[in-house]
Protein backbone atom coordinates (compact mmCIF):
# COMPACT_ATOMS: atom_id res chain seq x y z
CA UNK A 1 96.21 35.26 76.84
CA UNK A 2 98.15 32.03 76.60
CA UNK A 3 98.51 31.53 80.37
CA UNK A 4 94.86 30.70 81.16
CA UNK A 5 94.73 28.25 78.25
CA UNK A 6 97.88 26.54 79.55
CA UNK A 7 96.38 26.47 83.04
CA UNK A 8 93.17 24.91 81.73
CA UNK A 9 95.09 22.27 79.78
CA UNK A 10 97.33 21.37 82.71
CA UNK A 11 94.39 21.13 85.10
CA UNK A 12 92.53 18.91 82.66
CA UNK A 13 95.54 16.62 82.37
CA UNK A 14 95.80 16.78 86.16
CA UNK A 15 92.96 14.29 86.32
CA UNK A 16 95.26 11.67 84.83
CA UNK A 17 97.98 12.55 87.35
CA UNK A 18 95.56 12.22 90.28
CA UNK A 19 94.37 8.86 89.00
CA UNK A 20 97.86 7.48 88.54
CA UNK A 21 99.06 8.66 91.96
CA UNK A 22 96.13 7.03 93.74
CA UNK A 23 96.35 3.86 91.64
CA UNK A 24 100.06 3.47 92.36
CA UNK A 25 99.26 1.91 95.75
CA UNK A 26 96.76 -0.56 94.32
CA UNK A 27 97.65 -4.14 93.28
CA UNK A 28 99.70 -4.67 90.13
CA UNK A 29 97.76 -4.04 86.94
CA UNK A 30 95.44 -1.33 88.29
CA UNK A 31 97.12 1.46 86.33
CA UNK A 32 96.99 -0.65 83.17
CA UNK A 33 93.27 -1.27 83.63
CA UNK A 34 92.68 2.47 84.03
CA UNK A 35 94.87 3.37 81.08
CA UNK A 36 93.41 0.87 78.63
CA UNK A 37 89.82 1.62 79.66
CA UNK A 38 90.39 5.35 79.34
CA UNK A 39 91.92 5.03 75.89
CA UNK A 40 88.96 2.99 74.63
CA UNK A 41 86.41 5.34 76.21
CA UNK A 42 88.05 8.40 74.66
CA UNK A 43 87.56 7.21 71.07
CA UNK A 44 83.93 8.40 70.69
CA UNK A 45 84.76 11.66 72.47
CA UNK A 46 87.58 12.40 70.03
CA UNK A 47 85.31 11.65 67.06
CA UNK A 48 82.61 13.99 68.38
CA UNK A 49 85.11 16.80 68.97
CA UNK A 50 86.44 16.38 65.44
CA UNK A 51 82.94 17.12 64.14
CA UNK A 52 82.74 20.25 66.30
CA UNK A 53 86.16 21.40 65.07
CA UNK A 54 84.81 21.74 61.53
CA UNK A 55 82.46 24.56 62.59
CA UNK A 56 84.92 26.19 65.00
CA UNK A 57 86.03 28.96 62.57
CA UNK A 58 82.38 30.00 62.11
CA UNK A 59 81.88 30.15 65.88
CA UNK A 60 85.03 32.22 66.33
CA UNK A 61 84.01 34.70 63.63
CA UNK A 62 80.51 35.08 65.08
CA UNK A 63 81.82 35.79 68.57
CA UNK A 64 84.44 38.21 67.25
CA UNK A 65 81.71 40.07 65.33
CA UNK A 66 79.48 40.26 68.39
CA UNK A 67 76.76 38.16 66.76
CA UNK A 68 75.83 36.29 69.95
CA UNK A 69 72.62 34.90 68.49
CA UNK A 70 74.39 33.12 65.63
CA UNK A 71 77.19 32.05 67.96
CA UNK A 72 74.64 30.50 70.30
CA UNK A 73 72.98 28.61 67.45
CA UNK A 74 76.33 27.26 66.29
CA UNK A 75 77.31 26.26 69.80
CA UNK A 76 74.01 24.48 70.44
CA UNK A 77 74.31 22.64 67.14
CA UNK A 78 77.85 21.55 67.96
CA UNK A 79 76.80 20.41 71.43
CA UNK A 80 73.81 18.49 70.08
CA UNK A 81 75.89 16.74 67.41
CA UNK A 82 78.75 15.90 69.75
CA UNK A 83 76.38 14.74 72.49
CA UNK A 84 74.46 12.48 70.10
CA UNK A 85 77.65 10.77 68.97
CA UNK A 86 79.01 10.46 72.51
CA UNK A 87 75.83 9.16 74.15
CA UNK A 88 75.25 6.62 71.38
CA UNK A 89 78.83 5.40 71.57
CA UNK A 90 78.72 5.30 75.37
CA UNK A 91 75.65 3.07 75.26
CA UNK A 92 77.44 0.73 72.87
CA UNK A 93 80.53 0.67 75.07
CA UNK A 94 78.46 -0.26 78.12
CA UNK A 95 76.53 -2.95 76.25
CA UNK A 96 79.48 -4.52 74.45
CA UNK A 97 82.36 -3.79 76.84
CA UNK A 98 83.35 -7.47 77.24
CA UNK A 99 83.50 -8.08 73.49
CA UNK A 100 85.36 -4.82 72.81
CA UNK A 101 87.99 -5.48 75.48
CA UNK A 102 88.45 -9.08 74.35
CA UNK A 103 88.98 -8.13 70.71
CA UNK A 104 91.33 -5.24 71.42
CA UNK A 105 93.30 -6.42 74.43
CA UNK A 106 92.87 -10.03 75.51
CA UNK A 107 96.05 -11.77 74.49
CA UNK A 108 99.35 -12.74 76.10
CA UNK A 109 99.63 -11.61 79.72
CA UNK A 110 96.31 -9.75 79.45
CA UNK A 111 94.19 -12.62 80.73
CA UNK A 112 90.52 -13.02 81.64
CA UNK A 113 90.95 -11.37 85.05
CA UNK A 114 92.59 -8.30 83.50
CA UNK A 115 89.87 -8.13 80.86
CA UNK A 116 87.12 -8.26 83.49
CA UNK A 117 88.73 -5.49 85.54
CA UNK A 118 89.16 -3.31 82.46
CA UNK A 119 85.54 -3.86 81.39
CA UNK A 120 84.35 -2.69 84.82
CA UNK A 121 86.48 0.47 84.69
CA UNK A 122 85.43 1.15 81.09
CA UNK A 123 81.74 1.13 82.01
CA UNK A 124 82.38 3.59 84.85
CA UNK A 125 84.42 5.90 82.62
CA UNK A 126 81.54 6.12 80.14
CA UNK A 127 79.44 7.92 82.79
CA UNK A 128 81.68 10.95 82.35
CA UNK A 129 82.02 10.84 78.57
CA UNK A 130 79.28 13.40 77.99
CA UNK A 131 80.93 15.74 80.48
CA UNK A 132 84.28 15.44 78.71
CA UNK A 133 82.61 16.19 75.39
CA UNK A 134 80.75 19.24 76.71
CA UNK A 135 83.95 20.66 78.20
CA UNK A 136 85.82 20.11 74.93
CA UNK A 137 83.15 21.90 72.88
CA UNK A 138 82.24 24.75 75.23
CA UNK A 139 85.80 25.78 76.19
CA UNK A 140 86.33 27.00 72.61
CA UNK A 141 83.55 29.56 72.97
CA UNK A 142 85.16 30.91 76.14
CA UNK A 143 88.58 31.26 74.56
CA UNK A 144 87.09 32.99 71.51
CA UNK A 145 85.26 35.50 73.70
CA UNK A 146 88.41 36.57 75.52
CA UNK A 147 88.38 38.80 78.57
CA UNK A 148 88.76 37.61 82.15
CA UNK A 149 85.54 35.60 82.09
CA UNK A 150 86.35 34.00 78.79
CA UNK A 151 89.97 33.12 79.40
CA UNK A 152 90.11 32.21 83.09
CA UNK A 153 86.66 30.77 83.78
CA UNK A 154 87.37 27.39 82.11
CA UNK A 155 90.51 26.97 84.23
CA UNK A 156 88.59 27.79 87.42
CA UNK A 157 85.80 25.37 86.48
CA UNK A 158 88.37 22.70 85.70
CA UNK A 159 90.09 23.31 89.05
CA UNK A 160 86.79 22.76 90.86
CA UNK A 161 86.19 19.52 88.96
CA UNK A 162 89.75 18.34 89.63
CA UNK A 163 89.37 19.01 93.36
CA UNK A 164 86.19 16.93 93.42
CA UNK A 165 87.89 14.15 91.44
CA UNK A 166 90.80 14.00 93.89
CA UNK A 167 88.62 14.08 97.02
CA UNK A 168 86.08 11.58 95.74
CA UNK A 169 88.73 9.21 94.37
CA UNK A 170 90.58 9.20 97.70
CA UNK A 171 87.33 8.32 99.45
CA UNK A 172 86.27 5.60 97.00
CA UNK A 173 89.58 3.84 96.36
CA UNK A 174 89.58 1.80 99.61
CA UNK A 175 86.24 0.20 98.71
CA UNK A 176 86.17 0.25 94.92
CA UNK A 177 89.88 0.24 93.94
CA UNK A 178 90.41 1.48 90.38
CA UNK A 179 86.65 1.55 89.82
CA UNK A 180 86.39 4.32 92.41
CA UNK A 181 88.97 6.34 90.51
CA UNK A 182 87.04 6.02 87.26
CA UNK A 183 83.80 7.01 88.98
CA UNK A 184 85.48 10.03 90.57
CA UNK A 185 86.77 11.08 87.16
CA UNK A 186 83.24 10.96 85.78
CA UNK A 187 81.87 13.01 88.68
CA UNK A 188 84.59 15.64 88.49
CA UNK A 189 84.34 16.27 84.76
CA UNK A 190 80.54 16.35 84.94
CA UNK A 191 80.71 19.13 87.53
CA UNK A 192 83.16 21.03 85.33
CA UNK A 193 80.83 20.69 82.34
CA UNK A 194 77.88 21.94 84.39
CA UNK A 195 79.86 24.97 85.59
CA UNK A 196 80.97 25.83 82.06
CA UNK A 197 77.42 25.56 80.70
CA UNK A 198 76.15 27.77 83.53
CA UNK A 199 78.84 30.35 82.80
CA UNK A 200 77.69 30.87 79.21
CA UNK A 201 74.96 33.24 80.44
CA UNK A 202 77.53 35.67 81.85
CA UNK A 203 79.61 35.27 78.74
CA UNK A 204 76.68 36.58 76.70
CA UNK A 205 75.94 33.34 74.88
CA UNK A 206 72.30 32.48 75.55
CA UNK A 207 69.02 32.54 73.62
CA UNK A 208 67.78 35.54 75.67
CA UNK A 209 70.96 37.55 75.19
CA UNK A 210 70.94 36.81 71.47
CA UNK A 211 67.33 37.95 71.15
CA UNK A 212 68.01 41.18 73.08
CA UNK A 213 71.00 41.92 70.88
CA UNK A 214 68.88 41.43 67.74
CA UNK A 215 66.16 43.76 69.04
CA UNK A 216 68.66 46.49 69.92
CA UNK A 217 70.28 46.26 66.52
CA UNK A 218 66.84 46.58 64.92
CA UNK A 219 66.06 49.69 67.00
CA UNK A 220 69.31 51.33 65.93
CA UNK A 221 68.50 50.68 62.28
């Protein structure tokens, strides 16, 4: 059971590896711009996932008990809460990117040119923040469900997103430099999030499945 979780984690971190490999051939400072922008963009995502972690034990118990209706409600609530935090923070990051980068980073060798480049990358990274948040919340439901679909599907979805990230980044780098890498990251993780949301139906977590389960339980009683 540990192998698919390790595979999912490695594939998710593979996005960083792809970005760094492609950025290695860009002018000096490109990797720093990507790294600093990514670290800033991840702050709201981490906060939103912390909120979802609080209810994780309840989600795990509901799935283990076969109560798909309650599990679906919990998952939707977690997604709504995490998405609200992420989207609000993303809007603030886009609006105040110059001020945020200046306060946090602009000093010493990190001059105005570096700040401008980082601001541009930061705004592009925020496009994929919602996707990162959805993947972080939904993958827990899969791992709780177990079985082939539960354990391996997130890794397969992540592999598809990583492949898109690598292909799109390679195509965009010549024209957009590090900005193309950030945009490819956003596209890849958004595809992964969409695949994982679509897979919940087969996993048994959906409003319809929950309602059917409730009706069947009522008939047995």
